[in-house]
Amino acid sequence: MNAAILGQVGFTIAVPIALGAWLGLKLDAALGTSPWGLLGLIFVGMAAAGGGVALLIKRYTEENPVTPSTERAREAGRRWQAEIDEEQRRRDEGRS
């Protein structure tokens, strides 16, 4: 599943930029405006790619929500933090 997502992101980025470059070259050849059509449409392709990736991220997060931690995990975190705090307190007492 992860490889499929990465491939989809790659295509979502590459295709609009490549299409913008190709159309920009054609526009420049027709109008004689080199390199402005190429540059302009590459930037449009980059904006479209960014929007496409944002939509992919939105869809992925909607389909794969982050579930809240269980109470058992929260308690383990609290114990771990208490151990860290106790160790820090011992260090501080040793310096005094």
PDB file of N, CA and C in Angstrom:
ATOM      1  N   MET A   1       0.820  -1.188   0.000  1.00  0.00           N
ATOM      2  CA  MET A   1       0.000   0.000   0.000  1.00  0.00           C
ATOM      3  C   MET A   1       0.869   1.260   0.000  1.00  0.00           C
ATOM      4  N   ASN A   2       1.949   1.287   0.771  1.00  0.00           N
ATOM      5  CA  ASN A   2       2.807   2.466   0.817  1.00  0.00           C
ATOM      6  C   ASN A   2       3.464   2.748  -0.522  1.00  0.00           C
ATOM      7  N   ALA A   3       3.886   1.695  -1.236  1.00  0.00           N
ATOM      8  CA  ALA A   3       4.501   1.891  -2.546  1.00  0.00           C
ATOM      9  C   ALA A   3       3.490   2.477  -3.520  1.00  0.00           C
ATOM     10  N   ALA A   4       2.254   2.049  -3.432  1.00  0.00           N
ATOM     11  CA  ALA A   4       1.215   2.586  -4.309  1.00  0.00           C
ATOM     12  C   ALA A   4       0.995   4.073  -4.038  1.00  0.00           C
ATOM     13  N   ILE A   5       1.007   4.454  -2.775  1.00  0.00           N
ATOM     14  CA  ILE A   5       0.817   5.861  -2.427  1.00  0.00           C
ATOM     15  C   ILE A   5       1.992   6.693  -2.945  1.00  0.00           C
ATOM     16  N   LEU A   6       3.207   6.176  -2.763  1.00  0.00           N
ATOM     17  CA  LEU A   6       4.379   6.907  -3.250  1.00  0.00           C
ATOM     18  C   LEU A   6       4.349   7.051  -4.768  1.00  0.00           C
ATOM     19  N   GLY A   7       3.936   5.997  -5.457  1.00  0.00           N
ATOM     20  CA  GLY A   7       3.819   6.075  -6.909  1.00  0.00           C
ATOM     21  C   GLY A   7       2.779   7.091  -7.334  1.00  0.00           C
ATOM     22  N   GLN A   8       1.677   7.123  -6.622  1.00  0.00           N
ATOM     23  CA  GLN A   8       0.621   8.076  -6.939  1.00  0.00           C
ATOM     24  C   GLN A   8       1.095   9.507  -6.694  1.00  0.00           C
ATOM     25  N   VAL A   9       1.826   9.721  -5.621  1.00  0.00           N
ATOM     26  CA  VAL A   9       2.369  11.052  -5.345  1.00  0.00           C
ATOM     27  C   VAL A   9       3.355  11.447  -6.453  1.00  0.00           C
ATOM     28  N   GLY A  10       4.192  10.492  -6.867  1.00  0.00           N
ATOM     29  CA  GLY A  10       5.152  10.775  -7.941  1.00  0.00           C
ATOM     30  C   GLY A  10       4.468  11.206  -9.224  1.00  0.00           C
ATOM     31  N   PHE A  11       3.438  10.474  -9.612  1.00  0.00           N
ATOM     32  CA  PHE A  11       2.706  10.849 -10.822  1.00  0.00           C
ATOM     33  C   PHE A  11       1.983  12.176 -10.650  1.00  0.00           C
ATOM     34  N   THR A  12       1.451  12.406  -9.470  1.00  0.00           N
ATOM     35  CA  THR A  12       0.732  13.647  -9.198  1.00  0.00           C
ATOM     36  C   THR A  12       1.664  14.853  -9.304  1.00  0.00           C
ATOM     37  N   ILE A  13       2.929  14.658  -9.005  1.00  0.00           N
ATOM     38  CA  ILE A  13       3.900  15.749  -9.117  1.00  0.00           C
ATOM     39  C   ILE A  13       4.447  15.846 -10.538  1.00  0.00           C
ATOM     40  N   ALA A  14       4.822  14.708 -11.119  1.00  0.00           N
ATOM     41  CA  ALA A  14       5.524  14.716 -12.404  1.00  0.00           C
ATOM     42  C   ALA A  14       4.641  15.106 -13.582  1.00  0.00           C
ATOM     43  N   VAL A  15       3.443  14.586 -13.644  1.00  0.00           N
ATOM     44  CA  VAL A  15       2.609  14.792 -14.831  1.00  0.00           C
ATOM     45  C   VAL A  15       2.246  16.264 -15.050  1.00  0.00           C
ATOM     46  N   PRO A  16       1.743  17.002 -14.065  1.00  0.00           N
ATOM     47  CA  PRO A  16       1.416  18.407 -14.344  1.00  0.00           C
ATOM     48  C   PRO A  16       2.637  19.251 -14.718  1.00  0.00           C
ATOM     49  N   ILE A  17       3.773  18.965 -14.105  1.00  0.00           N
ATOM     50  CA  ILE A  17       4.975  19.743 -14.424  1.00  0.00           C
ATOM     51  C   ILE A  17       5.451  19.417 -15.838  1.00  0.00           C
ATOM     52  N   ALA A  18       5.481  18.125 -16.195  1.00  0.00           N
ATOM     53  CA  ALA A  18       5.903  17.734 -17.539  1.00  0.00           C
ATOM     54  C   ALA A  18       4.924  18.263 -18.581  1.00  0.00           C
ATOM     55  N   LEU A  19       3.641  18.199 -18.296  1.00  0.00           N
ATOM     56  CA  LEU A  19       2.637  18.717 -19.230  1.00  0.00           C
ATOM     57  C   LEU A  19       2.786  20.228 -19.398  1.00  0.00           C
ATOM     58  N   GLY A  20       3.041  20.930 -18.294  1.00  0.00           N
ATOM     59  CA  GLY A  20       3.266  22.369 -18.372  1.00  0.00           C
ATOM     60  C   GLY A  20       4.506  22.702 -19.182  1.00  0.00           C
ATOM     61  N   ALA A  21       5.573  21.938 -19.018  1.00  0.00           N
ATOM     62  CA  ALA A  21       6.794  22.173 -19.792  1.00  0.00           C
ATOM     63  C   ALA A  21       6.540  21.937 -21.276  1.00  0.00           C
ATOM     64  N   TRP A  22       5.858  20.847 -21.598  1.00  0.00           N
ATOM     65  CA  TRP A  22       5.577  20.533 -23.005  1.00  0.00           C
ATOM     66  C   TRP A  22       4.691  21.608 -23.638  1.00  0.00           C
ATOM     67  N   LEU A  23       3.625  21.981 -22.934  1.00  0.00           N
ATOM     68  CA  LEU A  23       2.750  23.027 -23.467  1.00  0.00           C
ATOM     69  C   LEU A  23       3.479  24.365 -23.567  1.00  0.00           C
ATOM     70  N   GLY A  24       4.353  24.656 -22.602  1.00  0.00           N
ATOM     71  CA  GLY A  24       5.130  25.892 -22.650  1.00  0.00           C
ATOM     72  C   GLY A  24       6.053  25.944 -23.842  1.00  0.00           C
ATOM     73  N   LEU A  25       6.696  24.812 -24.157  1.00  0.00           N
ATOM     74  CA  LEU A  25       7.549  24.759 -25.348  1.00  0.00           C
ATOM     75  C   LEU A  25       6.740  24.985 -26.614  1.00  0.00           C
ATOM     76  N   LYS A  26       5.577  24.345 -26.706  1.00  0.00           N
ATOM     77  CA  LYS A  26       4.704  24.519 -27.875  1.00  0.00           C
ATOM     78  C   LYS A  26       4.226  25.961 -27.986  1.00  0.00           C
ATOM     79  N   LEU A  27       3.853  26.550 -26.862  1.00  0.00           N
ATOM     80  CA  LEU A  27       3.404  27.943 -26.861  1.00  0.00           C
ATOM     81  C   LEU A  27       4.524  28.880 -27.297  1.00  0.00           C
ATOM     82  N   ASP A  28       5.730  28.651 -26.775  1.00  0.00           N
ATOM     83  CA  ASP A  28       6.870  29.478 -27.160  1.00  0.00           C
ATOM     84  C   ASP A  28       7.191  29.333 -28.639  1.00  0.00           C
ATOM     85  N   ALA A  29       7.096  28.120 -29.165  1.00  0.00           N
ATOM     86  CA  ALA A  29       7.373  27.909 -30.590  1.00  0.00           C
ATOM     87  C   ALA A  29       6.342  28.619 -31.451  1.00  0.00           C
ATOM     88  N   ALA A  30       5.089  28.609 -31.018  1.00  0.00           N
ATOM     89  CA  ALA A  30       4.032  29.241 -31.811  1.00  0.00           C
ATOM     90  C   ALA A  30       4.074  30.762 -31.726  1.00  0.00           C
ATOM     91  N   LEU A  31       4.413  31.287 -30.550  1.00  0.00           N
ATOM     92  CA  LEU A  31       4.361  32.732 -30.346  1.00  0.00           C
ATOM     93  C   LEU A  31       5.726  33.412 -30.359  1.00  0.00           C
ATOM     94  N   GLY A  32       6.800  32.629 -30.314  1.00  0.00           N
ATOM     95  CA  GLY A  32       8.141  33.206 -30.281  1.00  0.00           C
ATOM     96  C   GLY A  32       8.441  33.928 -28.980  1.00  0.00           C
ATOM     97  N   THR A  33       7.946  33.429 -27.885  1.00  0.00           N
ATOM     98  CA  THR A  33       8.121  34.096 -26.590  1.00  0.00           C
ATOM     99  C   THR A  33       9.106  33.371 -25.678  1.00  0.00           C
ATOM    100  N   SER A  34       9.980  32.565 -26.237  1.00  0.00           N
ATOM    101  CA  SER A  34      10.903  31.748 -25.460  1.00  0.00           C
ATOM    102  C   SER A  34      11.678  32.592 -24.462  1.00  0.00           C
ATOM    103  N   PRO A  35      11.854  32.207 -23.253  1.00  0.00           N
ATOM    104  CA  PRO A  35      11.442  31.019 -22.513  1.00  0.00           C
ATOM    105  C   PRO A  35      10.226  31.259 -21.629  1.00  0.00           C
ATOM    106  N   TRP A  36       9.486  32.342 -21.841  1.00  0.00           N
ATOM    107  CA  TRP A  36       8.455  32.765 -20.887  1.00  0.00           C
ATOM    108  C   TRP A  36       7.262  31.815 -20.819  1.00  0.00           C
ATOM    109  N   GLY A  37       6.847  31.266 -21.937  1.00  0.00           N
ATOM    110  CA  GLY A  37       5.754  30.299 -21.906  1.00  0.00           C
ATOM    111  C   GLY A  37       6.158  29.048 -21.140  1.00  0.00           C
ATOM    112  N   LEU A  38       7.393  28.586 -21.404  1.00  0.00           N
ATOM    113  CA  LEU A  38       7.912  27.411 -20.712  1.00  0.00           C
ATOM    114  C   LEU A  38       7.954  27.647 -19.204  1.00  0.00           C
ATOM    115  N   LEU A  39       8.551  28.754 -18.803  1.00  0.00           N
ATOM    116  CA  LEU A  39       8.668  29.040 -17.373  1.00  0.00           C
ATOM    117  C   LEU A  39       7.305  29.227 -16.716  1.00  0.00           C
ATOM    118  N   GLY A  40       6.445  29.981 -17.363  1.00  0.00           N
ATOM    119  CA  GLY A  40       5.126  30.237 -16.800  1.00  0.00           C
ATOM    120  C   GLY A  40       4.316  28.973 -16.619  1.00  0.00           C
ATOM    121  N   LEU A  41       4.312  28.113 -17.630  1.00  0.00           N
ATOM    122  CA  LEU A  41       3.510  26.908 -17.530  1.00  0.00           C
ATOM    123  C   LEU A  41       4.155  25.852 -16.630  1.00  0.00           C
ATOM    124  N   ILE A  42       5.460  25.889 -16.472  1.00  0.00           N
ATOM    125  CA  ILE A  42       6.087  25.007 -15.479  1.00  0.00           C
ATOM    126  C   ILE A  42       5.625  25.417 -14.079  1.00  0.00           C
ATOM    127  N   PHE A  43       5.576  26.720 -13.820  1.00  0.00           N
ATOM    128  CA  PHE A  43       5.101  27.174 -12.508  1.00  0.00           C
ATOM    129  C   PHE A  43       3.633  26.846 -12.294  1.00  0.00           C
ATOM    130  N   VAL A  44       2.822  26.956 -13.349  1.00  0.00           N
ATOM    131  CA  VAL A  44       1.414  26.553 -13.242  1.00  0.00           C
ATOM    132  C   VAL A  44       1.340  25.053 -12.936  1.00  0.00           C
ATOM    133  N   GLY A  45       2.184  24.254 -13.600  1.00  0.00           N
ATOM    134  CA  GLY A  45       2.225  22.816 -13.333  1.00  0.00           C
ATOM    135  C   GLY A  45       2.648  22.515 -11.902  1.00  0.00           C
ATOM    136  N   MET A  46       3.601  23.297 -11.393  1.00  0.00           N
ATOM    137  CA  MET A  46       4.028  23.105 -10.010  1.00  0.00           C
ATOM    138  C   MET A  46       2.898  23.418  -9.038  1.00  0.00           C
ATOM    139  N   ALA A  47       2.146  24.467  -9.307  1.00  0.00           N
ATOM    140  CA  ALA A  47       1.010  24.804  -8.451  1.00  0.00           C
ATOM    141  C   ALA A  47      -0.046  23.703  -8.511  1.00  0.00           C
ATOM    142  N   ALA A  48      -0.307  23.199  -9.709  1.00  0.00           N
ATOM    143  CA  ALA A  48      -1.281  22.111  -9.849  1.00  0.00           C
ATOM    144  C   ALA A  48      -0.792  20.859  -9.126  1.00  0.00           C
ATOM    145  N   ALA A  49       0.500  20.579  -9.205  1.00  0.00           N
ATOM    146  CA  ALA A  49       1.062  19.417  -8.514  1.00  0.00           C
ATOM    147  C   ALA A  49       0.913  19.578  -7.000  1.00  0.00           C
ATOM    148  N   GLY A  50       1.178  20.758  -6.489  1.00  0.00           N
ATOM    149  CA  GLY A  50       1.015  21.007  -5.057  1.00  0.00           C
ATOM    150  C   GLY A  50      -0.425  20.813  -4.612  1.00  0.00           C
ATOM    151  N   GLY A  51      -1.361  21.306  -5.405  1.00  0.00           N
ATOM    152  CA  GLY A  51      -2.769  21.113  -5.091  1.00  0.00           C
ATOM    153  C   GLY A  51      -3.156  19.644  -5.137  1.00  0.00           C
ATOM    154  N   GLY A  52      -2.622  18.921  -6.117  1.00  0.00           N
ATOM    155  CA  GLY A  52      -2.906  17.495  -6.223  1.00  0.00           C
ATOM    156  C   GLY A  52      -2.373  16.711  -5.037  1.00  0.00           C
ATOM    157  N   VAL A  53      -1.179  17.039  -4.595  1.00  0.00           N
ATOM    158  CA  VAL A  53      -0.597  16.357  -3.433  1.00  0.00           C
ATOM    159  C   VAL A  53      -1.404  16.693  -2.176  1.00  0.00           C
ATOM    160  N   ALA A  54      -1.840  17.940  -2.052  1.00  0.00           N
ATOM    161  CA  ALA A  54      -2.665  18.317  -0.901  1.00  0.00           C
ATOM    162  C   ALA A  54      -3.963  17.508  -0.882  1.00  0.00           C
ATOM    163  N   LEU A  55      -4.574  17.310  -2.048  1.00  0.00           N
ATOM    164  CA  LEU A  55      -5.786  16.495  -2.115  1.00  0.00           C
ATOM    165  C   LEU A  55      -5.507  15.036  -1.762  1.00  0.00           C
ATOM    166  N   LEU A  56      -4.362  14.511  -2.218  1.00  0.00           N
ATOM    167  CA  LEU A  56      -3.999  13.137  -1.864  1.00  0.00           C
ATOM    168  C   LEU A  56      -3.816  12.986  -0.360  1.00  0.00           C
ATOM    169  N   ILE A  57      -3.145  13.951   0.253  1.00  0.00           N
ATOM    170  CA  ILE A  57      -2.928  13.902   1.697  1.00  0.00           C
ATOM    171  C   ILE A  57      -4.264  13.970   2.430  1.00  0.00           C
ATOM    172  N   LYS A  58      -5.154  14.861   1.978  1.00  0.00           N
ATOM    173  CA  LYS A  58      -6.469  14.991   2.613  1.00  0.00           C
ATOM    174  C   LYS A  58      -7.238  13.679   2.510  1.00  0.00           C
ATOM    175  N   ARG A  59      -7.240  13.081   1.319  1.00  0.00           N
ATOM    176  CA  ARG A  59      -7.973  11.825   1.134  1.00  0.00           C
ATOM    177  C   ARG A  59      -7.365  10.709   1.980  1.00  0.00           C
ATOM    178  N   TYR A  60      -6.041  10.643   2.024  1.00  0.00           N
ATOM    179  CA  TYR A  60      -5.375   9.597   2.809  1.00  0.00           C
ATOM    180  C   TYR A  60      -5.693   9.729   4.289  1.00  0.00           C
ATOM    181  N   THR A  61      -5.650  10.950   4.806  1.00  0.00           N
ATOM    182  CA  THR A  61      -5.916  11.131   6.237  1.00  0.00           C
ATOM    183  C   THR A  61      -7.381  10.871   6.572  1.00  0.00           C
ATOM    184  N   GLU A  62      -8.290  11.126   5.638  1.00  0.00           N
ATOM    185  CA  GLU A  62      -9.697  10.805   5.883  1.00  0.00           C
ATOM    186  C   GLU A  62      -9.918   9.290   5.897  1.00  0.00           C
ATOM    187  N   GLU A  63      -9.202   8.577   5.027  1.00  0.00           N
ATOM    188  CA  GLU A  63      -9.363   7.126   4.945  1.00  0.00           C
ATOM    189  C   GLU A  63      -8.605   6.397   6.055  1.00  0.00           C
ATOM    190  N   ASN A  64      -7.580   7.027   6.635  1.00  0.00           N
ATOM    191  CA  ASN A  64      -6.741   6.404   7.656  1.00  0.00           C
ATOM    192  C   ASN A  64      -6.624   7.317   8.870  1.00  0.00           C
ATOM    193  N   PRO A  65      -7.698   7.480   9.615  1.00  0.00           N
ATOM    194  CA  PRO A  65      -7.634   8.393  10.763  1.00  0.00           C
ATOM    195  C   PRO A  65      -6.713   7.857  11.853  1.00  0.00           C
ATOM    196  N   VAL A  66      -6.123   8.769  12.572  1.00  0.00           N
ATOM    197  CA  VAL A  66      -5.270   8.408  13.702  1.00  0.00           C
ATOM    198  C   VAL A  66      -6.193   8.116  14.878  1.00  0.00           C
ATOM    199  N   THR A  67      -6.112   6.911  15.373  1.00  0.00           N
ATOM    200  CA  THR A  67      -6.973   6.544  16.492  1.00  0.00           C
ATOM    201  C   THR A  67      -6.327   6.997  17.794  1.00  0.00           C
ATOM    202  N   PRO A  68      -7.152   7.381  18.751  1.00  0.00           N
ATOM    203  CA  PRO A  68      -6.583   7.810  20.028  1.00  0.00           C
ATOM    204  C   PRO A  68      -5.893   6.654  20.741  1.00  0.00           C
ATOM    205  N   SER A  69      -4.931   6.997  21.555  1.00  0.00           N
ATOM    206  CA  SER A  69      -4.204   5.989  22.328  1.00  0.00           C
ATOM    207  C   SER A  69      -5.127   5.312  23.322  1.00  0.00           C
ATOM    208  N   THR A  70      -4.782   4.100  23.651  1.00  0.00           N
ATOM    209  CA  THR A  70      -5.547   3.398  24.677  1.00  0.00           C
ATOM    210  C   THR A  70      -5.129   3.909  26.045  1.00  0.00           C
ATOM    211  N   GLU A  71      -5.937   3.645  27.025  1.00  0.00           N
ATOM    212  CA  GLU A  71      -5.604   4.059  28.390  1.00  0.00           C
ATOM    213  C   GLU A  71      -4.330   3.363  28.863  1.00  0.00           C
ATOM    214  N   ARG A  72      -4.128   2.136  28.424  1.00  0.00           N
ATOM    215  CA  ARG A  72      -2.909   1.396  28.792  1.00  0.00           C
ATOM    216  C   ARG A  72      -1.660   2.104  28.261  1.00  0.00           C
ATOM    217  N   ALA A  73      -1.747   2.593  27.031  1.00  0.00           N
ATOM    218  CA  ALA A  73      -0.606   3.312  26.458  1.00  0.00           C
ATOM    219  C   ALA A  73      -0.375   4.636  27.172  1.00  0.00           C
ATOM    220  N   ARG A  74      -1.458   5.321  27.507  1.00  0.00           N
ATOM    221  CA  ARG A  74      -1.318   6.582  28.243  1.00  0.00           C
ATOM    222  C   ARG A  74      -0.645   6.357  29.593  1.00  0.00           C
ATOM    223  N   GLU A  75      -1.052   5.292  30.284  1.00  0.00           N
ATOM    224  CA  GLU A  75      -0.471   4.987  31.592  1.00  0.00           C
ATOM    225  C   GLU A  75       1.010   4.651  31.464  1.00  0.00           C
ATOM    226  N   ALA A  76       1.382   3.909  30.424  1.00  0.00           N
ATOM    227  CA  ALA A  76       2.797   3.596  30.204  1.00  0.00           C
ATOM    228  C   ALA A  76       3.587   4.879  29.963  1.00  0.00           C
ATOM    229  N   GLY A  77       3.010   5.814  29.240  1.00  0.00           N
ATOM    230  CA  GLY A  77       3.668   7.101  29.018  1.00  0.00           C
ATOM    231  C   GLY A  77       3.836   7.880  30.306  1.00  0.00           C
ATOM    232  N   ARG A  78       2.814   7.847  31.142  1.00  0.00           N
ATOM    233  CA  ARG A  78       2.904   8.542  32.436  1.00  0.00           C
ATOM    234  C   ARG A  78       3.995   7.934  33.327  1.00  0.00           C
ATOM    235  N   ARG A  79       4.080   6.585  33.346  1.00  0.00           N
ATOM    236  CA  ARG A  79       5.137   5.931  34.136  1.00  0.00           C
ATOM    237  C   ARG A  79       6.515   6.303  33.607  1.00  0.00           C
ATOM    238  N   TRP A  80       6.658   6.306  32.310  1.00  0.00           N
ATOM    239  CA  TRP A  80       7.942   6.647  31.702  1.00  0.00           C
ATOM    240  C   TRP A  80       8.328   8.081  32.047  1.00  0.00           C
ATOM    241  N   GLN A  81       7.359   9.004  31.961  1.00  0.00           N
ATOM    242  CA  GLN A  81       7.639  10.393  32.304  1.00  0.00           C
ATOM    243  C   GLN A  81       7.989  10.525  33.778  1.00  0.00           C
ATOM    244  N   ALA A  82       7.336   9.744  34.637  1.00  0.00           N
ATOM    245  CA  ALA A  82       7.649   9.787  36.068  1.00  0.00           C
ATOM    246  C   ALA A  82       9.075   9.312  36.320  1.00  0.00           C
ATOM    247  N   GLU A  83       9.508   8.270  35.604  1.00  0.00           N
ATOM    248  CA  GLU A  83      10.892   7.797  35.735  1.00  0.00           C
ATOM    249  C   GLU A  83      11.879   8.879  35.305  1.00  0.00           C
ATOM    250  N   ILE A  84      11.592   9.551  34.219  1.00  0.00           N
ATOM    251  CA  ILE A  84      12.473  10.624  33.737  1.00  0.00           C
ATOM    252  C   ILE A  84      12.523  11.757  34.760  1.00  0.00           C
ATOM    253  N   ASP A  85      11.350  12.128  35.280  1.00  0.00           N
ATOM    254  CA  ASP A  85      11.307  13.208  36.271  1.00  0.00           C
ATOM    255  C   ASP A  85      12.090  12.838  37.534  1.00  0.00           C
ATOM    256  N   GLU A  86      11.954  11.578  37.979  1.00  0.00           N
ATOM    257  CA  GLU A  86      12.672  11.117  39.170  1.00  0.00           C
ATOM    258  C   GLU A  86      14.180  11.142  38.924  1.00  0.00           C
ATOM    259  N   GLU A  87      14.604  10.710  37.784  1.00  0.00           N
ATOM    260  CA  GLU A  87      16.038  10.718  37.466  1.00  0.00           C
ATOM    261  C   GLU A  87      16.577  12.140  37.430  1.00  0.00           C
ATOM    262  N   GLN A  88      15.804  13.057  36.866  1.00  0.00           N
ATOM    263  CA  GLN A  88      16.209  14.455  36.811  1.00  0.00           C
ATOM    264  C   GLN A  88      16.282  15.046  38.223  1.00  0.00           C
ATOM    265  N   ARG A  89      15.323  14.684  39.081  1.00  0.00           N
ATOM    266  CA  ARG A  89      15.324  15.178  40.453  1.00  0.00           C
ATOM    267  C   ARG A  89      16.571  14.704  41.188  1.00  0.00           C
ATOM    268  N   ARG A  90      16.948  13.426  40.986  1.00  0.00           N
ATOM    269  CA  ARG A  90      18.158  12.888  41.630  1.00  0.00           C
ATOM    270  C   ARG A  90      19.406  13.625  41.151  1.00  0.00           C
ATOM    271  N   ARG A  91      19.461  13.919  39.853  1.00  0.00           N
ATOM    272  CA  ARG A  91      20.601  14.659  39.326  1.00  0.00           C
ATOM    273  C   ARG A  91      20.684  16.043  39.951  1.00  0.00           C
ATOM    274  N   ASP A  92      19.518  16.706  40.047  1.00  0.00           N
ATOM    275  CA  ASP A  92      19.483  18.050  40.622  1.00  0.00           C
ATOM    276  C   ASP A  92      19.906  18.038  42.093  1.00  0.00           C
ATOM    277  N   GLU A  93      19.495  17.006  42.846  1.00  0.00           N
ATOM    278  CA  GLU A  93      19.869  16.906  44.248  1.00  0.00           C
ATOM    279  C   GLU A  93      21.369  16.661  44.385  1.00  0.00           C
ATOM    280  N   GLY A  94      21.954  15.929  43.469  1.00  0.00           N
ATOM    281  CA  GLY A  94      23.377  15.637  43.513  1.00  0.00           C
ATOM    282  C   GLY A  94      24.233  16.868  43.272  1.00  0.00           C
ATOM    283  N   ARG A  95      23.715  17.824  42.546  1.00  0.00           N
ATOM    284  CA  ARG A  95      24.466  19.051  42.237  1.00  0.00           C
ATOM    285  C   ARG A  95      24.418  20.035  43.395  1.00  0.00           C
ATOM    286  N   SER A  96      23.402  19.930  44.212  1.00  0.00           N
ATOM    287  CA  SER A  96      23.223  20.919  45.306  1.00  0.00           C
ATOM    288  C   SER A  96      24.213  20.730  46.408  1.00  0.00           C
TER     289      SER A  96
END
